[in-house]
């Protein structure tokens, strides 16, 4: 039998191992196995100042792509299509209703708007227009981890892959 290594078996060997033993790096092996079982969901977060980025990054099964400009959005859409899009209602670099319609027609993934609190009449009109062109959900600040987890889990249709720790 020939010498087996991490390339042929898919199991990471310990650095310096010459192949003569069955020693593997269990930490790396478990990490790889877990990543293959529960791949990260790509989520675009379109924002002006990134207020909710830390909260979004706290979900281990989400890979959050922060989008801060229209050019960045266009290049990312070509290279890495998302499974979910979060739009901050404070976004000033584009018209929110036109952006929602454009994204809905182009990528056809769930779109969620993060709105400031308390909701105003202007925000209610904006949401009504956005729902008419493809918005799927809206969450209001201050964001609660549990509420966000539930909303995203339903929209991604796989709550099992969103891992929410029991301690907050």
C-alpha atoms as a PDB file:
ATOM      1  CA  UNK A   1       0.000   0.000   0.000  1.00  0.00           C
ATOM      2  CA  UNK A   2       1.168   3.482  -0.800  1.00  0.00           C
ATOM      3  CA  UNK A   3       1.659   6.269   1.649  1.00  0.00           C
ATOM      4  CA  UNK A   4      -1.593   8.058   2.525  1.00  0.00           C
ATOM      5  CA  UNK A   5      -1.740  11.746   3.338  1.00  0.00           C
ATOM      6  CA  UNK A   6      -4.325  14.422   3.868  1.00  0.00           C
ATOM      7  CA  UNK A   7      -4.728  14.899   0.121  1.00  0.00           C
ATOM      8  CA  UNK A   8      -5.684  11.302  -0.538  1.00  0.00           C
ATOM      9  CA  UNK A   9      -7.797  10.646   2.574  1.00  0.00           C
ATOM     10  CA  UNK A  10      -9.206  14.088   3.288  1.00  0.00           C
ATOM     11  CA  UNK A  11      -8.070  13.727   6.910  1.00  0.00           C
ATOM     12  CA  UNK A  12      -5.549  16.336   8.089  1.00  0.00           C
ATOM     13  CA  UNK A  13      -2.308  14.835   9.371  1.00  0.00           C
ATOM     14  CA  UNK A  14      -0.251  16.303  12.186  1.00  0.00           C
ATOM     15  CA  UNK A  15       2.533  18.595  10.987  1.00  0.00           C
ATOM     16  CA  UNK A  16       5.810  16.724  10.814  1.00  0.00           C
ATOM     17  CA  UNK A  17       4.103  13.333  10.535  1.00  0.00           C
ATOM     18  CA  UNK A  18       5.882  11.283   7.901  1.00  0.00           C
ATOM     19  CA  UNK A  19       2.881   9.109   7.183  1.00  0.00           C
ATOM     20  CA  UNK A  20       4.100   6.151   9.185  1.00  0.00           C
ATOM     21  CA  UNK A  21       1.555   6.619  11.957  1.00  0.00           C
ATOM     22  CA  UNK A  22      -2.153   7.103  12.190  1.00  0.00           C
ATOM     23  CA  UNK A  23      -1.923  10.413  14.065  1.00  0.00           C
ATOM     24  CA  UNK A  24      -4.365  13.035  12.818  1.00  0.00           C
ATOM     25  CA  UNK A  25      -5.172  16.551  13.879  1.00  0.00           C
ATOM     26  CA  UNK A  26      -8.613  15.947  15.415  1.00  0.00           C
ATOM     27  CA  UNK A  27      -9.384  19.630  15.846  1.00  0.00           C
ATOM     28  CA  UNK A  28      -8.865  20.344  12.154  1.00  0.00           C
ATOM     29  CA  UNK A  29     -10.719  17.173  11.177  1.00  0.00           C
ATOM     30  CA  UNK A  30     -13.762  18.051  13.315  1.00  0.00           C
ATOM     31  CA  UNK A  31     -13.755  21.614  12.033  1.00  0.00           C
ATOM     32  CA  UNK A  32     -13.694  20.446   8.406  1.00  0.00           C
ATOM     33  CA  UNK A  33     -16.373  17.812   9.004  1.00  0.00           C
ATOM     34  CA  UNK A  34     -18.609  20.380  10.717  1.00  0.00           C
ATOM     35  CA  UNK A  35     -18.131  22.911   7.925  1.00  0.00           C
ATOM     36  CA  UNK A  36     -19.108  20.322   5.312  1.00  0.00           C
ATOM     37  CA  UNK A  37     -22.219  19.325   7.253  1.00  0.00           C
ATOM     38  CA  UNK A  38     -23.347  22.855   8.044  1.00  0.00           C
ATOM     39  CA  UNK A  39     -22.097  25.185   5.329  1.00  0.00           C
ATOM     40  CA  UNK A  40     -22.394  28.899   6.014  1.00  0.00           C
ATOM     41  CA  UNK A  41     -25.281  30.787   4.493  1.00  0.00           C
ATOM     42  CA  UNK A  42     -24.123  33.801   2.516  1.00  0.00           C
ATOM     43  CA  UNK A  43     -25.965  36.897   3.699  1.00  0.00           C
ATOM     44  CA  UNK A  44     -25.526  40.361   2.218  1.00  0.00           C
ATOM     45  CA  UNK A  45     -25.825  43.197   4.722  1.00  0.00           C
ATOM     46  CA  UNK A  46     -26.354  46.483   2.853  1.00  0.00           C
ATOM     47  CA  UNK A  47     -25.645  49.313   5.245  1.00  0.00           C
ATOM     48  CA  UNK A  48     -24.417  52.824   5.743  1.00  0.00           C
ATOM     49  CA  UNK A  49     -22.563  52.428   9.032  1.00  0.00           C
ATOM     50  CA  UNK A  50     -22.692  48.727  10.017  1.00  0.00           C
ATOM     51  CA  UNK A  51     -24.681  49.089  13.240  1.00  0.00           C
ATOM     52  CA  UNK A  52     -25.782  45.449  13.288  1.00  0.00           C
ATOM     53  CA  UNK A  53     -22.668  43.780  11.892  1.00  0.00           C
ATOM     54  CA  UNK A  54     -21.444  42.406  15.244  1.00  0.00           C
ATOM     55  CA  UNK A  55     -24.825  40.854  15.977  1.00  0.00           C
ATOM     56  CA  UNK A  56     -24.984  39.256  12.523  1.00  0.00           C
ATOM     57  CA  UNK A  57     -21.439  37.936  12.830  1.00  0.00           C
ATOM     58  CA  UNK A  58     -22.384  36.238  16.110  1.00  0.00           C
ATOM     59  CA  UNK A  59     -24.337  33.589  14.174  1.00  0.00           C
ATOM     60  CA  UNK A  60     -21.725  30.947  13.266  1.00  0.00           C
ATOM     61  CA  UNK A  61     -23.674  29.596  10.312  1.00  0.00           C
ATOM     62  CA  UNK A  62     -23.928  32.979   8.568  1.00  0.00           C
ATOM     63  CA  UNK A  63     -21.206  34.354   6.351  1.00  0.00           C
ATOM     64  CA  UNK A  64     -22.004  38.058   6.357  1.00  0.00           C
ATOM     65  CA  UNK A  65     -20.841  40.083   3.361  1.00  0.00           C
ATOM     66  CA  UNK A  66     -20.975  43.797   4.203  1.00  0.00           C
ATOM     67  CA  UNK A  67     -21.962  45.948   1.232  1.00  0.00           C
ATOM     68  CA  UNK A  68     -21.309  49.678   1.520  1.00  0.00           C
ATOM     69  CA  UNK A  69     -21.795  50.918  -2.035  1.00  0.00           C
ATOM     70  CA  UNK A  70     -23.606  50.208  -5.269  1.00  0.00           C
ATOM     71  CA  UNK A  71     -20.360  49.237  -7.037  1.00  0.00           C
ATOM     72  CA  UNK A  72     -19.523  46.762  -4.277  1.00  0.00           C
ATOM     73  CA  UNK A  73     -23.027  45.272  -4.548  1.00  0.00           C
ATOM     74  CA  UNK A  74     -22.775  44.782  -8.313  1.00  0.00           C
ATOM     75  CA  UNK A  75     -19.373  43.075  -8.119  1.00  0.00           C
ATOM     76  CA  UNK A  76     -20.441  40.766  -5.276  1.00  0.00           C
ATOM     77  CA  UNK A  77     -23.659  39.754  -7.037  1.00  0.00           C
ATOM     78  CA  UNK A  78     -21.584  38.458  -9.936  1.00  0.00           C
ATOM     79  CA  UNK A  79     -18.995  36.632  -7.805  1.00  0.00           C
ATOM     80  CA  UNK A  80     -20.965  35.279  -4.835  1.00  0.00           C
ATOM     81  CA  UNK A  81     -24.761  35.277  -4.964  1.00  0.00           C
ATOM     82  CA  UNK A  82     -26.430  35.512  -1.536  1.00  0.00           C
ATOM     83  CA  UNK A  83     -29.037  33.301   0.106  1.00  0.00           C
ATOM     84  CA  UNK A  84     -30.529  36.244   1.999  1.00  0.00           C
ATOM     85  CA  UNK A  85     -30.259  40.031   1.817  1.00  0.00           C
ATOM     86  CA  UNK A  86     -30.534  42.413   4.777  1.00  0.00           C
ATOM     87  CA  UNK A  87     -31.029  46.097   3.974  1.00  0.00           C
ATOM     88  CA  UNK A  88     -30.573  48.812   6.582  1.00  0.00           C
ATOM     89  CA  UNK A  89     -33.373  51.350   6.200  1.00  0.00           C
ATOM     90  CA  UNK A  90     -30.875  54.147   6.947  1.00  0.00           C
ATOM     91  CA  UNK A  91     -29.129  53.468   3.622  1.00  0.00           C
ATOM     92  CA  UNK A  92     -28.543  56.754   1.805  1.00  0.00           C
ATOM     93  CA  UNK A  93     -26.605  55.659  -1.267  1.00  0.00           C
ATOM     94  CA  UNK A  94     -29.678  54.401  -3.122  1.00  0.00           C
ATOM     95  CA  UNK A  95     -33.471  54.452  -3.233  1.00  0.00           C
ATOM     96  CA  UNK A  96     -34.640  51.596  -0.982  1.00  0.00           C
ATOM     97  CA  UNK A  97     -37.765  50.691  -2.958  1.00  0.00           C
ATOM     98  CA  UNK A  98     -35.927  50.667  -6.295  1.00  0.00           C
ATOM     99  CA  UNK A  99     -33.105  48.620  -4.724  1.00  0.00           C
ATOM    100  CA  UNK A 100     -35.576  46.091  -3.287  1.00  0.00           C
ATOM    101  CA  UNK A 101     -37.267  45.685  -6.659  1.00  0.00           C
ATOM    102  CA  UNK A 102     -33.927  45.344  -8.477  1.00  0.00           C
ATOM    103  CA  UNK A 103     -32.651  42.689  -6.047  1.00  0.00           C
ATOM    104  CA  UNK A 104     -35.946  40.784  -6.026  1.00  0.00           C
ATOM    105  CA  UNK A 105     -35.993  40.593  -9.827  1.00  0.00           C
ATOM    106  CA  UNK A 106     -32.302  39.748 -10.136  1.00  0.00           C
ATOM    107  CA  UNK A 107     -31.482  37.198  -7.426  1.00  0.00           C
ATOM    108  CA  UNK A 108     -34.896  36.127  -6.099  1.00  0.00           C
ATOM    109  CA  UNK A 109     -33.799  35.501  -2.508  1.00  0.00           C
ATOM    110  CA  UNK A 110     -35.484  36.655   0.721  1.00  0.00           C
ATOM    111  CA  UNK A 111     -35.000  40.357   1.426  1.00  0.00           C
ATOM    112  CA  UNK A 112     -35.315  41.728   4.965  1.00  0.00           C
ATOM    113  CA  UNK A 113     -35.263  45.392   5.917  1.00  0.00           C
ATOM    114  CA  UNK A 114     -33.816  46.468   9.261  1.00  0.00           C
ATOM    115  CA  UNK A 115     -35.783  49.516  10.407  1.00  0.00           C
ATOM    116  CA  UNK A 116     -35.157  52.052  13.116  1.00  0.00           C
ATOM    117  CA  UNK A 117     -37.461  52.350  16.079  1.00  0.00           C
ATOM    118  CA  UNK A 118     -40.042  53.614  16.655  1.00  0.00           C
ATOM    119  CA  UNK A 119     -41.661  53.142  13.237  1.00  0.00           C
ATOM    120  CA  UNK A 120     -42.835  56.408  11.737  1.00  0.00           C
ATOM    121  CA  UNK A 121     -45.514  57.125   9.146  1.00  0.00           C
ATOM    122  CA  UNK A 122     -42.760  57.679   6.591  1.00  0.00           C
ATOM    123  CA  UNK A 123     -41.282  54.254   7.405  1.00  0.00           C
ATOM    124  CA  UNK A 124     -44.727  52.630   7.155  1.00  0.00           C
ATOM    125  CA  UNK A 125     -45.180  54.090   3.650  1.00  0.00           C
ATOM    126  CA  UNK A 126     -41.689  52.949   2.652  1.00  0.00           C
ATOM    127  CA  UNK A 127     -42.347  49.412   3.897  1.00  0.00           C
ATOM    128  CA  UNK A 128     -45.693  49.253   2.100  1.00  0.00           C
ATOM    129  CA  UNK A 129     -43.983  50.210  -1.169  1.00  0.00           C
ATOM    130  CA  UNK A 130     -41.094  47.792  -0.545  1.00  0.00           C
ATOM    131  CA  UNK A 131     -43.450  44.884   0.238  1.00  0.00           C
ATOM    132  CA  UNK A 132     -45.241  45.591  -3.049  1.00  0.00           C
ATOM    133  CA  UNK A 133     -42.009  45.108  -5.034  1.00  0.00           C
ATOM    134  CA  UNK A 134     -40.507  42.113  -3.242  1.00  0.00           C
ATOM    135  CA  UNK A 135     -39.591  42.748   0.398  1.00  0.00           C
ATOM    136  CA  UNK A 136     -40.163  39.596   2.482  1.00  0.00           C
ATOM    137  CA  UNK A 137     -39.859  40.814   6.068  1.00  0.00           C
ATOM    138  CA  UNK A 138     -38.946  43.757   8.269  1.00  0.00           C
ATOM    139  CA  UNK A 139     -37.369  43.759  11.720  1.00  0.00           C
ATOM    140  CA  UNK A 140     -37.267  46.784  13.979  1.00  0.00           C
ATOM    141  CA  UNK A 141     -34.421  48.123  16.094  1.00  0.00           C
ATOM    142  CA  UNK A 142     -33.298  47.457  18.669  1.00  0.00           C
ATOM    143  CA  UNK A 143     -32.726  44.011  17.219  1.00  0.00           C
ATOM    144  CA  UNK A 144     -33.181  41.123  19.591  1.00  0.00           C
ATOM    145  CA  UNK A 145     -31.004  38.110  18.900  1.00  0.00           C
ATOM    146  CA  UNK A 146     -33.880  35.662  19.353  1.00  0.00           C
ATOM    147  CA  UNK A 147     -36.214  37.575  17.021  1.00  0.00           C
ATOM    148  CA  UNK A 148     -33.550  37.869  14.368  1.00  0.00           C
ATOM    149  CA  UNK A 149     -32.711  34.175  14.720  1.00  0.00           C
ATOM    150  CA  UNK A 150     -36.368  33.217  14.218  1.00  0.00           C
ATOM    151  CA  UNK A 151     -36.816  35.497  11.200  1.00  0.00           C
ATOM    152  CA  UNK A 152     -33.657  34.370   9.469  1.00  0.00           C
ATOM    153  CA  UNK A 153     -34.312  30.713  10.293  1.00  0.00           C
ATOM    154  CA  UNK A 154     -37.747  30.830   8.717  1.00  0.00           C
ATOM    155  CA  UNK A 155     -36.490  32.670   5.655  1.00  0.00           C
ATOM    156  CA  UNK A 156     -33.550  30.341   5.121  1.00  0.00           C
ATOM    157  CA  UNK A 157     -35.875  27.364   5.681  1.00  0.00           C
ATOM    158  CA  UNK A 158     -33.295  25.462   7.679  1.00  0.00           C
ATOM    159  CA  UNK A 159     -33.311  26.338  11.369  1.00  0.00           C
ATOM    160  CA  UNK A 160     -31.072  23.342  12.072  1.00  0.00           C
ATOM    161  CA  UNK A 161     -28.147  25.046  10.333  1.00  0.00           C
ATOM    162  CA  UNK A 162     -28.455  28.265  12.306  1.00  0.00           C
ATOM    163  CA  UNK A 163     -26.757  27.502  15.586  1.00  0.00           C
ATOM    164  CA  UNK A 164     -28.064  29.704  18.381  1.00  0.00           C
ATOM    165  CA  UNK A 165     -26.265  29.268  21.704  1.00  0.00           C
ATOM    166  CA  UNK A 166     -28.443  28.917  24.770  1.00  0.00           C
ATOM    167  CA  UNK A 167     -26.706  31.781  26.585  1.00  0.00           C
ATOM    168  CA  UNK A 168     -27.187  35.341  25.402  1.00  0.00           C
END
